[in-house]
Amino acid sequence: MAKTLSEAPFLNLFDPAFLADPVTAVAALRSQSSVIRTPIGAMIVDPSQVHELLRERSLHSSLLNLVRLQGVTEGPIYEMAASSLLAKEGEDHTRIRRLVSRSFTPRAADGHRGFMRDLVTELVDGFAPSGECEFMADFADHYPVQVIAHLMGVPREDHPLFARWGDSLTHLLSLELSLYREEIQAAQTAMSSYLTDLVADRRRQSRDDLVSELIAARDGPDRLDDQELMSLLGGLLFAGYDTTRNQLAVAMTIFSQLPAEWARLADNPELAPQAVEEVMRMGGVVSVIPRVATCDLEVGEWIVPAGTLVSLSLAGANHDPAVYGHPDCFDTDRFDPGEPRPEGQVGFGGGAHHCLGASLARAEMQEALPILARAMPDMKVAGEPEWRSPLVGISGPLRLSLRFTPFRGCAT
């Protein structure tokens, strides 16, 4: 007989103990049930079910549900969320992804690797001789946003504007939206004005950049309308900045405790692709993906009713001992392309809403980490990092002080 959600074990997502160590909490509950009841809905913690439900078409984006849950039901912020690719479903979502996906293939990302390497080297040269840095302010806050701005054809002097807007827009996807509503609104207004001018300029004269590609994108009679284009560009700014900068910072905290692996990466940059996959498996900055059930959903022996906010535990799937031997141990060779591979890590999500910029993010991290490893030998965290509020939805440090042996050679 099917079980109802009211019978499921309860997990308080806002409990400080859970927020401090969600992986351990999920692992403990997974032995009791594949479905957990939460204050805002249900969490799926069985790894095989997570993989399956990431592709489940009856689970839709919960972005607008989370926005409405926090009292935002109309106005510019709501309209921005509603017009984003993340909120779209069905034919509209498929059409837009089809039009833009060609700009985000692995081959397209590879075309920007030279710029990435040059930028990483430039940023690293600014602090490597001193033997210390505040990683967020000196590197992570600059690198990904400058890459996405470069792709969009934004002049370098305007890159700091994009970083500032990205910082504010982060809160749109969080459970702290109401606290930052005015800041989000100001960023959205300023960014929209800038992007309107940028799009108008590219309509007058096309260039070799992402904005021009998206203006020209078409498939038969379809093409992006102005609202879709503006929403997509704004979404790319957020997606191309905040997740990648935090994932790089988490990578540094992981490698600071693994000096042998850090030195190995410095000496063997060809290991970067598999190291990035293991970093994302071990410490992915997105630990859950929220969805909303559009109909009653069968999850094993459980029935999750329509309208329930369903959180898919990516962290649980990425630490499944049945898939990954010793899941709490970092192993660069876990994703060795020459060996039988475990099921891929799910840090980029899956299904229809799989991260559009996954290839670009992978390329950015693959280029950055070996250069950082060579330029920052014996890297250690200095003091206790200050972490973001877990309610933001994307984990990572606000500040991360690092010390290492001063480097004065060529990191590339």
Protein backbone atom coordinates (compact mmCIF):
# COMPACT_ATOMS: atom_id res chain seq x y z
CA MET A 1 0.00 0.00 0.00
CA ALA A 2 1.33 3.42 -0.97
CA LYS A 3 2.51 5.71 1.80
CA THR A 4 1.53 9.36 2.04
CA LEU A 5 3.92 12.25 2.59
CA SER A 6 2.51 12.81 6.07
CA GLU A 7 4.04 9.45 7.09
CA ALA A 8 7.55 10.34 5.91
CA PRO A 9 10.39 11.20 8.33
CA PHE A 10 10.67 14.93 8.94
CA LEU A 11 13.75 17.06 8.22
CA ASN A 12 13.94 20.73 9.19
CA LEU A 13 15.84 22.33 6.31
CA PHE A 14 16.38 25.42 8.45
CA ASP A 15 17.94 23.61 11.40
CA PRO A 16 21.52 24.92 11.92
CA ALA A 17 22.75 21.34 12.34
CA PHE A 18 21.40 20.40 8.91
CA LEU A 19 22.69 23.57 7.30
CA ALA A 20 26.16 22.93 8.75
CA ASP A 21 26.39 19.37 7.40
CA PRO A 22 23.60 18.45 4.97
CA VAL A 23 25.44 15.45 3.50
CA THR A 24 25.62 13.64 6.84
CA ALA A 25 21.99 14.45 7.66
CA VAL A 26 20.77 13.17 4.30
CA ALA A 27 22.87 10.00 4.57
CA ALA A 28 21.34 9.21 7.97
CA LEU A 29 17.78 9.70 6.75
CA ARG A 30 18.35 7.78 3.52
CA SER A 31 18.63 4.59 5.56
CA GLN A 32 15.05 5.16 6.77
CA SER A 33 13.27 6.38 3.66
CA SER A 34 13.75 7.55 0.07
CA VAL A 35 11.34 10.44 0.68
CA ILE A 36 11.68 13.00 3.49
CA ARG A 37 9.06 15.53 4.58
CA THR A 38 10.33 19.12 4.94
CA PRO A 39 8.78 22.41 6.11
CA ILE A 40 8.20 23.42 2.49
CA GLY A 41 7.45 20.08 0.82
CA ALA A 42 9.39 16.89 0.20
CA MET A 43 13.03 15.94 -0.36
CA ILE A 44 14.05 12.93 -2.44
CA VAL A 45 17.21 11.39 -0.98
CA ASP A 46 17.44 8.03 -2.75
CA PRO A 47 20.19 8.52 -5.39
CA SER A 48 18.60 6.33 -8.06
CA GLN A 49 15.32 8.20 -7.65
CA VAL A 50 17.13 11.56 -7.90
CA HIS A 51 18.72 10.55 -11.20
CA GLU A 52 15.35 9.40 -12.53
CA LEU A 53 13.37 12.41 -11.31
CA LEU A 54 15.83 14.91 -12.79
CA ARG A 55 14.41 13.71 -16.13
CA GLU A 56 10.77 13.53 -14.98
CA ARG A 57 8.64 15.78 -17.21
CA SER A 58 5.87 16.15 -14.63
CA LEU A 59 8.32 17.92 -12.30
CA HIS A 60 8.53 21.56 -13.34
CA SER A 61 10.73 24.46 -12.33
CA SER A 62 9.80 25.77 -8.89
CA LEU A 63 11.30 29.22 -9.41
CA LEU A 64 7.99 31.08 -9.49
CA ASN A 65 6.66 29.04 -6.57
CA LEU A 66 9.64 30.08 -4.45
CA VAL A 67 9.27 33.72 -5.55
CA ARG A 68 5.55 33.74 -4.67
CA LEU A 69 6.27 31.95 -1.39
CA GLN A 70 8.25 35.03 -0.37
CA GLY A 71 5.46 37.48 -1.17
CA VAL A 72 6.53 38.55 -4.67
CA THR A 73 3.56 37.98 -6.97
CA GLU A 74 3.83 40.84 -9.45
CA GLY A 75 6.08 43.67 -10.58
CA PRO A 76 9.46 43.80 -12.37
CA ILE A 77 11.17 41.14 -10.20
CA TYR A 78 8.34 38.68 -10.73
CA GLU A 79 8.25 39.42 -14.46
CA MET A 80 12.02 38.92 -14.69
CA ALA A 81 11.72 35.54 -12.99
CA ALA A 82 8.72 34.50 -15.08
CA SER A 83 10.43 35.32 -18.38
CA SER A 84 13.66 33.51 -17.51
CA LEU A 85 14.61 30.27 -19.22
CA LEU A 86 14.73 28.58 -15.81
CA ALA A 87 11.02 29.22 -15.29
CA LYS A 88 9.86 28.11 -18.74
CA GLU A 89 8.55 24.64 -19.53
CA GLY A 90 7.29 22.66 -22.48
CA GLU A 91 7.50 23.91 -26.06
CA ASP A 92 8.72 27.40 -25.15
CA HIS A 93 11.57 26.00 -23.08
CA THR A 94 12.55 23.47 -25.76
CA ARG A 95 12.44 26.11 -28.52
CA ILE A 96 14.65 28.60 -26.69
CA ARG A 97 17.19 25.98 -25.61
CA ARG A 98 17.35 24.68 -29.18
CA LEU A 99 18.04 28.16 -30.49
CA VAL A 100 20.82 28.99 -28.04
CA SER A 101 22.41 25.62 -27.25
CA ARG A 102 24.76 25.83 -30.24
CA SER A 103 26.52 28.74 -28.51
CA PHE A 104 27.25 26.55 -25.45
CA THR A 105 28.58 23.32 -26.89
CA PRO A 106 31.95 21.93 -25.71
CA ARG A 107 33.43 23.06 -29.03
CA ALA A 108 32.12 26.60 -28.53
CA ALA A 109 33.57 26.69 -25.00
CA ASP A 110 36.93 25.43 -26.26
CA GLY A 111 37.17 28.48 -28.50
CA HIS A 112 37.51 30.69 -25.41
CA ARG A 113 40.15 28.69 -23.54
CA GLY A 114 42.99 30.95 -24.68
CA PHE A 115 41.24 33.99 -23.22
CA MET A 116 40.59 32.06 -20.01
CA ARG A 117 44.26 31.10 -19.60
CA ASP A 118 45.43 34.64 -20.25
CA LEU A 119 42.95 36.06 -17.75
CA VAL A 120 43.82 33.52 -15.06
CA THR A 121 47.53 34.27 -15.49
CA GLU A 122 46.94 38.01 -15.30
CA LEU A 123 44.90 37.72 -12.10
CA VAL A 124 47.33 35.27 -10.49
CA ASP A 125 50.32 37.46 -11.31
CA GLY A 126 48.72 40.16 -9.19
CA PHE A 127 49.01 38.18 -5.94
CA ALA A 128 51.30 35.16 -6.45
CA PRO A 129 54.55 36.98 -5.53
CA SER A 130 53.13 37.97 -2.13
CA GLY A 131 52.40 34.42 -0.98
CA GLU A 132 48.87 35.29 0.12
CA CYS A 133 45.52 36.36 -1.23
CA GLU A 134 41.88 36.82 -0.39
CA PHE A 135 40.72 34.41 -3.04
CA MET A 136 37.25 35.83 -3.59
CA ALA A 137 38.29 39.47 -3.94
CA ASP A 138 41.55 38.75 -5.77
CA PHE A 139 40.40 36.04 -8.15
CA ALA A 140 36.94 34.44 -7.97
CA ASP A 141 34.99 37.71 -8.07
CA HIS A 142 36.75 38.66 -11.31
CA TYR A 143 37.43 35.55 -13.38
CA PRO A 144 34.02 34.02 -14.28
CA VAL A 145 32.25 37.35 -14.71
CA GLN A 146 34.97 38.60 -17.04
CA VAL A 147 34.68 35.42 -19.09
CA ILE A 148 30.91 35.76 -19.55
CA ALA A 149 31.23 39.52 -20.20
CA HIS A 150 33.93 38.80 -22.79
CA LEU A 151 31.63 36.28 -24.49
CA MET A 152 28.88 38.88 -24.60
CA GLY A 153 31.20 41.49 -26.09
CA VAL A 154 31.03 43.82 -23.09
CA PRO A 155 33.93 46.31 -22.92
CA ARG A 156 36.40 45.43 -20.18
CA GLU A 157 35.85 48.67 -18.31
CA ASP A 158 32.23 47.64 -17.77
CA HIS A 159 33.01 44.19 -16.33
CA PRO A 160 32.77 45.46 -12.72
CA LEU A 161 29.17 46.53 -13.39
CA PHE A 162 28.29 42.96 -14.33
CA ALA A 163 29.94 41.65 -11.18
CA ARG A 164 27.91 44.04 -9.03
CA TRP A 165 24.64 43.14 -10.75
CA GLY A 166 25.48 39.44 -10.48
CA ASP A 167 26.01 39.79 -6.72
CA SER A 168 22.54 41.28 -6.35
CA LEU A 169 20.72 38.92 -8.70
CA THR A 170 22.02 35.94 -6.73
CA HIS A 171 19.30 36.60 -4.17
CA LEU A 172 16.52 36.13 -6.74
CA LEU A 173 16.94 32.34 -6.49
CA SER A 174 17.33 32.30 -2.72
CA LEU A 175 15.04 32.11 0.29
CA GLU A 176 16.23 35.59 1.21
CA LEU A 177 14.59 37.40 -1.70
CA SER A 178 12.41 39.59 0.52
CA LEU A 179 15.47 40.88 2.40
CA TYR A 180 17.15 42.03 -0.81
CA ARG A 181 14.14 43.05 -2.88
CA GLU A 182 15.19 46.67 -3.40
CA GLU A 183 18.77 45.67 -4.25
CA ILE A 184 17.55 43.10 -6.79
CA GLN A 185 15.19 45.64 -8.33
CA ALA A 186 17.95 48.25 -8.69
CA ALA A 187 20.29 45.71 -10.30
CA GLN A 188 17.58 44.50 -12.66
CA THR A 189 16.74 48.05 -13.77
CA ALA A 190 20.38 49.02 -14.36
CA MET A 191 21.22 45.77 -16.13
CA SER A 192 18.15 45.95 -18.38
CA SER A 193 19.06 49.47 -19.44
CA TYR A 194 22.62 48.41 -20.24
CA LEU A 195 21.56 45.29 -22.14
CA THR A 196 18.95 47.24 -24.12
CA ASP A 197 21.68 49.53 -25.40
CA LEU A 198 24.01 46.59 -26.05
CA VAL A 199 21.39 44.70 -28.07
CA ALA A 200 20.50 47.84 -30.05
CA ASP A 201 24.17 48.33 -30.91
CA ARG A 202 24.52 44.73 -32.11
CA ARG A 203 21.36 45.02 -34.19
CA ARG A 204 22.98 47.99 -35.97
CA GLN A 205 26.29 46.20 -36.42
CA SER A 206 26.80 42.52 -35.72
CA ARG A 207 30.07 41.42 -34.09
CA ASP A 208 31.77 38.16 -33.22
CA ASP A 209 30.16 37.80 -29.79
CA LEU A 210 27.38 35.97 -27.98
CA VAL A 211 24.85 38.82 -28.17
CA SER A 212 25.16 38.91 -31.96
CA GLU A 213 24.88 35.12 -32.13
CA LEU A 214 21.69 35.15 -30.06
CA ILE A 215 20.17 37.96 -32.12
CA ALA A 216 20.79 35.90 -35.25
CA ALA A 217 19.74 32.57 -33.69
CA ARG A 218 16.85 31.00 -35.53
CA ASP A 219 15.48 27.59 -36.39
CA GLY A 220 13.07 27.72 -39.29
CA PRO A 221 10.56 30.51 -38.55
CA ASP A 222 11.55 30.72 -34.89
CA ARG A 223 13.84 33.28 -33.34
CA LEU A 224 14.19 34.92 -29.94
CA ASP A 225 11.92 37.89 -29.36
CA ASP A 226 13.25 40.94 -27.52
CA GLN A 227 11.91 39.88 -24.10
CA GLU A 228 13.31 36.37 -24.46
CA LEU A 229 16.69 37.74 -25.55
CA MET A 230 16.92 40.17 -22.63
CA SER A 231 15.86 37.54 -20.11
CA LEU A 232 18.33 35.05 -21.52
CA LEU A 233 21.23 37.49 -21.36
CA GLY A 234 20.38 38.40 -17.77
CA GLY A 235 20.11 34.73 -16.84
CA LEU A 236 23.46 33.96 -18.46
CA LEU A 237 25.09 36.70 -16.41
CA PHE A 238 23.86 35.12 -13.20
CA ALA A 239 24.46 31.50 -14.22
CA GLY A 240 27.86 32.27 -15.70
CA TYR A 241 29.12 34.08 -12.64
CA ASP A 242 27.89 33.07 -9.22
CA THR A 243 27.96 29.28 -9.44
CA THR A 244 31.39 29.11 -11.08
CA ARG A 245 33.10 31.55 -8.73
CA ASN A 246 31.80 29.66 -5.71
CA GLN A 247 32.67 26.26 -7.17
CA LEU A 248 36.25 27.45 -7.71
CA ALA A 249 36.41 28.68 -4.12
CA VAL A 250 35.08 25.38 -2.78
CA ALA A 251 37.71 23.62 -4.90
CA MET A 252 40.40 25.64 -3.15
CA THR A 253 39.09 24.65 0.29
CA ILE A 254 39.11 20.99 -0.78
CA PHE A 255 42.63 21.08 -2.23
CA SER A 256 43.96 23.03 0.77
CA GLN A 257 43.46 19.82 2.75
CA LEU A 258 45.00 17.62 0.04
CA PRO A 259 48.52 18.93 -0.62
CA ALA A 260 49.61 15.82 -2.54
CA GLU A 261 46.63 16.11 -4.93
CA TRP A 262 47.28 19.85 -5.34
CA ALA A 263 50.94 19.24 -6.24
CA ARG A 264 49.91 16.43 -8.58
CA LEU A 265 47.54 18.74 -10.44
CA ALA A 266 50.30 21.35 -10.76
CA ASP A 267 52.61 18.77 -12.34
CA ASN A 268 49.91 17.10 -14.44
CA PRO A 269 47.49 19.70 -15.85
CA GLU A 270 45.95 17.02 -18.06
CA LEU A 271 44.23 15.76 -14.89
CA ALA A 272 42.14 18.93 -14.70
CA PRO A 273 38.96 17.55 -16.38
CA GLN A 274 38.64 14.63 -13.97
CA ALA A 275 39.67 16.79 -11.00
CA VAL A 276 36.84 19.22 -11.82
CA GLU A 277 34.30 16.37 -11.92
CA GLU A 278 35.50 15.09 -8.55
CA VAL A 279 35.41 18.57 -7.01
CA MET A 280 31.80 18.95 -8.12
CA ARG A 281 30.89 15.50 -6.85
CA MET A 282 32.61 16.03 -3.52
CA GLY A 283 31.56 19.63 -2.88
CA GLY A 284 29.00 20.81 -5.41
CA VAL A 285 27.79 24.32 -4.58
CA VAL A 286 24.20 23.40 -5.48
CA SER A 287 23.18 20.65 -3.04
CA VAL A 288 19.48 20.45 -3.96
CA ILE A 289 17.39 21.27 -7.01
CA PRO A 290 13.82 22.31 -6.21
CA ARG A 291 10.98 21.28 -8.48
CA VAL A 292 7.18 21.33 -8.20
CA ALA A 293 5.02 18.27 -8.88
CA THR A 294 2.34 19.03 -11.49
CA CYS A 295 0.50 15.77 -10.73
CA ASP A 296 0.55 13.09 -8.06
CA LEU A 297 4.00 11.51 -8.22
CA GLU A 298 4.97 7.94 -7.36
CA VAL A 299 8.41 7.72 -5.76
CA GLY A 300 8.96 4.09 -4.84
CA GLU A 301 6.36 3.24 -2.22
CA TRP A 302 5.48 6.90 -1.66
CA ILE A 303 2.87 9.17 -3.20
CA VAL A 304 3.89 12.83 -3.41
CA PRO A 305 0.77 14.92 -4.11
CA ALA A 306 0.43 17.42 -6.93
CA GLY A 307 1.55 20.91 -6.01
CA THR A 308 4.28 19.71 -3.63
CA LEU A 309 7.64 21.47 -3.72
CA VAL A 310 10.05 18.58 -4.35
CA SER A 311 13.75 19.03 -3.53
CA LEU A 312 16.06 16.61 -5.32
CA SER A 313 19.16 15.96 -3.24
CA LEU A 314 22.13 16.31 -5.58
CA ALA A 315 24.51 16.03 -2.63
CA GLY A 316 22.93 12.73 -1.67
CA ALA A 317 23.24 11.38 -5.22
CA ASN A 318 26.85 12.52 -5.45
CA HIS A 319 27.73 10.72 -2.20
CA ASP A 320 25.96 7.45 -2.91
CA PRO A 321 28.23 4.65 -1.58
CA ALA A 322 26.60 2.19 -3.98
CA VAL A 323 27.93 4.22 -6.92
CA TYR A 324 31.09 5.84 -5.57
CA GLY A 325 33.45 3.77 -3.45
CA HIS A 326 34.42 5.74 -0.33
CA PRO A 327 32.27 8.73 -1.35
CA ASP A 328 33.62 10.98 1.41
CA CYS A 329 37.18 10.63 0.11
CA PHE A 330 38.48 12.83 -2.73
CA ASP A 331 39.87 10.77 -5.61
CA THR A 332 41.16 12.55 -8.72
CA ASP A 333 41.25 9.21 -10.55
CA ARG A 334 37.58 8.45 -9.89
CA PHE A 335 36.61 9.87 -13.30
CA ASP A 336 39.71 8.68 -15.17
CA PRO A 337 38.55 8.41 -18.81
CA GLY A 338 40.73 5.33 -19.26
CA GLU A 339 38.89 3.39 -16.54
CA PRO A 340 35.30 2.14 -16.17
CA ARG A 341 33.45 5.20 -14.95
CA PRO A 342 30.81 5.51 -12.24
CA GLU A 343 27.62 7.34 -13.03
CA GLY A 344 28.50 10.97 -13.70
CA GLN A 345 28.18 13.57 -10.99
CA VAL A 346 24.94 15.56 -11.06
CA GLY A 347 26.25 18.97 -9.99
CA PHE A 348 24.91 20.51 -13.20
CA GLY A 349 21.45 19.01 -12.70
CA GLY A 350 19.85 16.92 -15.41
CA GLY A 351 16.93 16.52 -17.76
CA ALA A 352 15.32 19.42 -19.58
CA HIS A 353 16.80 21.97 -17.17
CA HIS A 354 20.37 20.63 -17.24
CA CYS A 355 22.71 23.61 -16.88
CA LEU A 356 22.96 25.30 -20.28
CA GLY A 357 26.46 26.63 -19.54
CA ALA A 358 27.93 23.38 -18.18
CA SER A 359 30.57 23.12 -20.93
CA LEU A 360 31.65 26.72 -20.38
CA ALA A 361 31.85 26.28 -16.59
CA ARG A 362 33.86 23.08 -16.98
CA ALA A 363 36.30 24.80 -19.35
CA GLU A 364 36.75 27.75 -16.97
CA MET A 365 37.57 25.49 -14.03
CA GLN A 366 39.75 23.15 -16.09
CA GLU A 367 41.87 26.09 -17.25
CA ALA A 368 42.06 27.84 -13.88
CA LEU A 369 42.89 25.07 -11.43
CA PRO A 370 46.24 23.87 -12.90
CA ILE A 371 47.52 27.45 -13.21
CA LEU A 372 46.47 28.18 -9.64
CA ALA A 373 48.12 24.96 -8.46
CA ARG A 374 51.43 25.90 -10.08
CA ALA A 375 51.31 29.47 -8.82
CA MET A 376 50.21 28.63 -5.26
CA PRO A 377 52.38 25.74 -4.02
CA ASP A 378 51.74 24.53 -0.46
CA MET A 379 48.42 26.42 -0.47
CA LYS A 380 46.60 26.53 2.88
CA VAL A 381 43.53 28.30 4.22
CA ALA A 382 44.53 31.08 6.62
CA GLY A 383 41.92 31.35 9.36
CA GLU A 384 38.31 30.20 9.21
CA PRO A 385 36.49 31.02 5.94
CA GLU A 386 33.32 33.09 6.22
CA TRP A 387 30.55 31.19 4.46
CA ARG A 388 27.43 32.45 2.73
CA SER A 389 24.01 31.98 4.29
CA PRO A 390 22.74 28.50 3.35
CA LEU A 391 19.41 30.13 2.46
CA VAL A 392 21.04 31.68 -0.62
CA GLY A 393 20.86 28.28 -2.31
CA ILE A 394 24.40 28.33 -3.69
CA SER A 395 27.08 27.54 -1.14
CA GLY A 396 30.53 29.07 -1.00
CA PRO A 397 32.70 31.40 1.06
CA LEU A 398 32.14 35.14 1.29
CA ARG A 399 35.83 35.47 2.10
CA LEU A 400 38.63 32.94 1.73
CA SER A 401 42.14 33.91 2.85
CA LEU A 402 44.89 31.69 1.46
CA ARG A 403 48.62 31.48 2.08
CA PHE A 404 51.23 29.69 -0.02
CA THR A 405 54.89 29.75 -0.99
CA PRO A 406 55.47 32.98 -2.95
CA PHE A 407 55.68 32.32 -6.67
CA ARG A 408 57.59 34.48 -9.15
CA GLY A 409 57.85 32.20 -12.17
CA CYS A 410 55.54 31.63 -15.11
CA ALA A 411 52.41 29.80 -13.99
CA THR A 412 51.46 28.84 -17.53
